[in-house]
Amino acid sequence: MLQHQALITLKTPAELRTRSTKETKGKEETVDRKKGKLDNKKKKQRRKRKEKKLEMKNRKKKTSDETQVAQPISWMSIGYLNI
């Protein structure tokens, strides 16, 4: 019983990120590196999405401001101007 407990080792976060199901020579490092690259890629994508969202929001604001300023004159107001 005590012998089995001695075999359990604590894993570091880097080791947990690796695929422990297939432990082959040197594979752990490559998987870990890939994980880091993927994380950076996801961060970049997230940043791009946020920027795009902000840009679209600003574009909507601009178009709504323009439409409020340049509204067509109604026929009623033209009638009042002529009188």
C-alpha atoms as a PDB file:
ATOM      1  CA  MET A   1       0.000   0.000   0.000  1.00  0.00           C
ATOM      2  CA  LEU A   2       2.741   2.467   0.903  1.00  0.00           C
ATOM      3  CA  GLN A   3       4.746   1.498  -2.164  1.00  0.00           C
ATOM      4  CA  HIS A   4       1.873   2.500  -4.454  1.00  0.00           C
ATOM      5  CA  GLN A   5       1.562   5.910  -2.808  1.00  0.00           C
ATOM      6  CA  ALA A   6       5.240   6.591  -3.399  1.00  0.00           C
ATOM      7  CA  LEU A   7       4.776   6.111  -7.159  1.00  0.00           C
ATOM      8  CA  ILE A   8       2.276   8.998  -7.487  1.00  0.00           C
ATOM      9  CA  THR A   9       4.099  12.097  -8.679  1.00  0.00           C
ATOM     10  CA  LEU A  10       2.780  15.622  -8.836  1.00  0.00           C
ATOM     11  CA  LYS A  11       2.643  17.068 -12.317  1.00  0.00           C
ATOM     12  CA  THR A  12       3.560  20.634 -13.182  1.00  0.00           C
ATOM     13  CA  PRO A  13       1.131  22.721 -15.281  1.00  0.00           C
ATOM     14  CA  ALA A  14       3.386  22.157 -18.312  1.00  0.00           C
ATOM     15  CA  GLU A  15       3.146  18.407 -17.835  1.00  0.00           C
ATOM     16  CA  LEU A  16      -0.621  18.575 -17.422  1.00  0.00           C
ATOM     17  CA  ARG A  17      -0.926  20.385 -20.761  1.00  0.00           C
ATOM     18  CA  THR A  18       0.854  17.561 -22.565  1.00  0.00           C
ATOM     19  CA  ARG A  19      -0.959  14.520 -23.810  1.00  0.00           C
ATOM     20  CA  SER A  20      -0.241  12.009 -21.096  1.00  0.00           C
ATOM     21  CA  THR A  21      -2.108   9.213 -22.870  1.00  0.00           C
ATOM     22  CA  LYS A  22       0.679   8.659 -25.408  1.00  0.00           C
ATOM     23  CA  GLU A  23       3.972   9.251 -23.675  1.00  0.00           C
ATOM     24  CA  THR A  24       6.655   8.777 -26.295  1.00  0.00           C
ATOM     25  CA  LYS A  25      10.206  10.060 -26.479  1.00  0.00           C
ATOM     26  CA  GLY A  26      10.348  13.862 -26.726  1.00  0.00           C
ATOM     27  CA  LYS A  27       6.712  14.223 -27.790  1.00  0.00           C
ATOM     28  CA  GLU A  28       5.739  16.042 -24.597  1.00  0.00           C
ATOM     29  CA  GLU A  29       7.860  19.086 -25.434  1.00  0.00           C
ATOM     30  CA  THR A  30       6.529  19.451 -28.969  1.00  0.00           C
ATOM     31  CA  VAL A  31       2.931  19.188 -27.810  1.00  0.00           C
ATOM     32  CA  ASP A  32       3.618  21.781 -25.123  1.00  0.00           C
ATOM     33  CA  ARG A  33       5.152  24.155 -27.672  1.00  0.00           C
ATOM     34  CA  LYS A  34       2.187  23.675 -29.998  1.00  0.00           C
ATOM     35  CA  LYS A  35      -0.154  24.482 -27.135  1.00  0.00           C
ATOM     36  CA  GLY A  36       1.635  27.783 -26.577  1.00  0.00           C
ATOM     37  CA  LYS A  37       1.390  28.638 -30.268  1.00  0.00           C
ATOM     38  CA  LEU A  38      -2.312  27.811 -30.281  1.00  0.00           C
ATOM     39  CA  ASP A  39      -2.889  30.008 -27.246  1.00  0.00           C
ATOM     40  CA  ASN A  40      -1.202  32.940 -28.986  1.00  0.00           C
ATOM     41  CA  LYS A  41      -3.218  32.306 -32.140  1.00  0.00           C
ATOM     42  CA  LYS A  42      -6.460  32.311 -30.149  1.00  0.00           C
ATOM     43  CA  LYS A  43      -5.462  35.559 -28.431  1.00  0.00           C
ATOM     44  CA  LYS A  44      -4.753  37.170 -31.809  1.00  0.00           C
ATOM     45  CA  GLN A  45      -8.097  35.993 -33.202  1.00  0.00           C
ATOM     46  CA  ARG A  46      -9.931  37.282 -30.141  1.00  0.00           C
ATOM     47  CA  ARG A  47      -8.181  40.657 -30.433  1.00  0.00           C
ATOM     48  CA  LYS A  48      -9.073  40.877 -34.146  1.00  0.00           C
ATOM     49  CA  ARG A  49     -12.707  40.046 -33.423  1.00  0.00           C
ATOM     50  CA  LYS A  50     -12.893  42.742 -30.731  1.00  0.00           C
ATOM     51  CA  GLU A  51     -11.320  45.328 -33.056  1.00  0.00           C
ATOM     52  CA  LYS A  52     -13.706  44.375 -35.857  1.00  0.00           C
ATOM     53  CA  LYS A  53     -16.677  44.613 -33.509  1.00  0.00           C
ATOM     54  CA  LEU A  54     -15.554  48.051 -32.325  1.00  0.00           C
ATOM     55  CA  GLU A  55     -15.026  49.186 -35.912  1.00  0.00           C
ATOM     56  CA  MET A  56     -18.515  48.043 -36.899  1.00  0.00           C
ATOM     57  CA  LYS A  57     -19.978  49.809 -33.867  1.00  0.00           C
ATOM     58  CA  ASN A  58     -18.225  53.056 -34.826  1.00  0.00           C
ATOM     59  CA  ARG A  59     -19.342  52.670 -38.439  1.00  0.00           C
ATOM     60  CA  LYS A  60     -22.959  52.255 -37.291  1.00  0.00           C
ATOM     61  CA  LYS A  61     -22.666  55.403 -35.165  1.00  0.00           C
ATOM     62  CA  LYS A  62     -21.336  57.396 -38.121  1.00  0.00           C
ATOM     63  CA  THR A  63     -24.128  56.270 -40.440  1.00  0.00           C
ATOM     64  CA  SER A  64     -26.828  56.971 -37.857  1.00  0.00           C
ATOM     65  CA  ASP A  65     -25.410  60.467 -37.210  1.00  0.00           C
ATOM     66  CA  GLU A  66     -25.358  61.215 -40.928  1.00  0.00           C
ATOM     67  CA  THR A  67     -28.952  60.079 -41.408  1.00  0.00           C
ATOM     68  CA  GLN A  68     -30.135  62.240 -38.531  1.00  0.00           C
ATOM     69  CA  VAL A  69     -28.451  65.331 -39.986  1.00  0.00           C
ATOM     70  CA  ALA A  70     -29.471  64.806 -43.607  1.00  0.00           C
ATOM     71  CA  GLN A  71     -33.149  63.918 -43.321  1.00  0.00           C
ATOM     72  CA  PRO A  72     -35.313  64.635 -46.349  1.00  0.00           C
ATOM     73  CA  ILE A  73     -37.621  67.635 -46.019  1.00  0.00           C
ATOM     74  CA  SER A  74     -41.237  66.574 -45.680  1.00  0.00           C
ATOM     75  CA  TRP A  75     -43.844  67.943 -48.105  1.00  0.00           C
ATOM     76  CA  MET A  76     -45.681  69.643 -45.270  1.00  0.00           C
ATOM     77  CA  SER A  77     -42.706  71.816 -44.380  1.00  0.00           C
ATOM     78  CA  ILE A  78     -42.265  72.789 -48.049  1.00  0.00           C
ATOM     79  CA  GLY A  79     -45.935  73.839 -48.135  1.00  0.00           C
ATOM     80  CA  TYR A  80     -45.395  76.067 -45.122  1.00  0.00           C
ATOM     81  CA  LEU A  81     -42.319  77.630 -46.741  1.00  0.00           C
ATOM     82  CA  ASN A  82     -44.279  78.554 -49.882  1.00  0.00           C
ATOM     83  CA  ILE A  83     -47.066  80.297 -47.963  1.00  0.00           C
END
